[in-house]
Protein backbone atom coordinates (compact mmCIF):
# COMPACT_ATOMS: atom_id res chain seq x y z
CA ARG A 1 83.60 108.31 68.78
CA LEU A 2 85.39 110.66 70.64
CA VAL A 3 84.30 114.01 71.01
CA VAL A 4 85.66 117.17 71.55
CA GLY A 5 84.42 120.26 72.49
CA GLY A 6 86.53 122.36 69.61
CA VAL A 7 90.19 123.07 69.71
CA GLY A 8 92.34 125.50 67.68
CA ASP A 9 93.92 125.10 65.72
CA LEU A 10 94.34 121.28 64.38
CA CYS A 11 93.68 118.11 66.46
CA SER A 12 94.69 114.79 66.05
CA VAL A 13 93.83 111.68 67.70
CA TYR A 14 95.24 108.47 68.50
CA ILE A 15 93.92 104.90 70.33
CA ASN A 16 97.66 102.87 71.02
CA GLY A 17 99.64 104.90 69.38
CA ARG A 18 97.90 104.37 65.70
CA LEU A 19 96.22 107.44 64.65
CA ALA A 20 92.35 107.79 64.82
CA GLY A 21 92.17 111.06 62.89
CA GLU A 22 92.13 114.17 62.90
CA HIS A 23 90.39 117.80 62.86
CA ALA A 24 91.41 121.29 61.80
CA ALA A 25 89.52 124.25 62.79
CA ARG A 26 88.28 127.05 59.62
CA ASN A 27 87.95 130.18 62.04
CA GLU A 28 88.00 131.31 64.65
CA ALA A 29 84.27 130.33 65.57
CA ASP A 30 85.14 126.62 64.13
CA LYS A 31 87.55 126.36 67.03
CA ARG A 32 84.40 126.26 70.08
CA THR A 33 82.22 123.75 67.66
CA PRO A 34 82.26 120.42 68.55
CA PHE A 35 83.39 117.49 66.66
CA ALA A 36 83.41 114.04 66.51
CA ILE A 37 86.47 111.29 65.69
CA ARG A 38 85.39 107.41 65.10
CA VAL A 39 88.29 106.18 67.72
CA ASP A 40 86.17 102.03 67.41
CA PRO A 41 88.85 100.89 63.92
CA ALA A 42 92.22 101.94 66.82
CA ILE A 43 91.04 99.42 69.47
CA ASP A 44 93.22 97.20 70.33
CA TRP A 45 90.22 94.66 71.40
CA THR A 46 92.64 92.16 73.20
CA LEU A 47 94.36 94.35 75.18
CA PRO A 48 92.77 95.40 78.59
CA SER A 49 93.12 99.03 79.08
CA GLN A 50 93.25 101.84 76.01
CA THR A 51 95.80 104.68 75.39
CA LEU A 52 94.23 107.49 74.81
CA THR A 53 96.65 110.55 73.32
CA ILE A 54 95.29 113.88 71.73
CA ARG A 55 97.53 116.61 70.31
CA VAL A 56 97.05 119.75 69.69
CA GLU A 57 98.41 122.25 67.31
CA ASN A 58 97.89 126.22 67.73
CA ASP A 59 99.50 128.21 64.83
CA GLY A 60 97.93 131.35 66.71
CA GLY A 61 94.88 132.68 68.58
CA LEU A 62 93.07 131.15 70.62
CA GLY A 63 94.48 127.25 70.89
CA GLY A 64 93.98 124.67 72.89
CA ILE A 65 90.99 122.26 73.84
CA HIS A 66 87.98 123.95 74.64
CA GLY A 67 84.68 122.24 76.44
CA ARG A 68 84.67 118.67 77.43
CA ILE A 69 85.67 115.76 75.98
CA TRP A 70 83.57 112.64 75.99
CA VAL A 71 82.49 109.10 74.09
CA VAL A 72 79.49 108.33 72.52
CA SER A 73 78.55 105.23 70.73
CA SER A 74 77.62 104.67 67.76
CA GLY A 75 73.99 106.12 66.71
CA ALA A 76 74.56 109.63 69.30
CA ASP A 77 75.67 112.72 67.76
CA ALA A 78 78.24 115.76 68.91
CA ARG A 79 75.19 117.71 70.94
């Protein structure tokens, strides 16, 4: 899973150009709340490396990526 420290307002995560998942902030406080997106179904395990793209759309107010971004293995949580 890819864990993102928060985004304002909409986050789309792509692996090798394939959409892995999206997250939309519901309010201003949610823009600073971490969330996780499962990315392993989008990984091409035959490639020696992967391309990760994070697209953030801001509709106003607090925009961008907030906090750090990290990868956790299965069974870990987004704390």
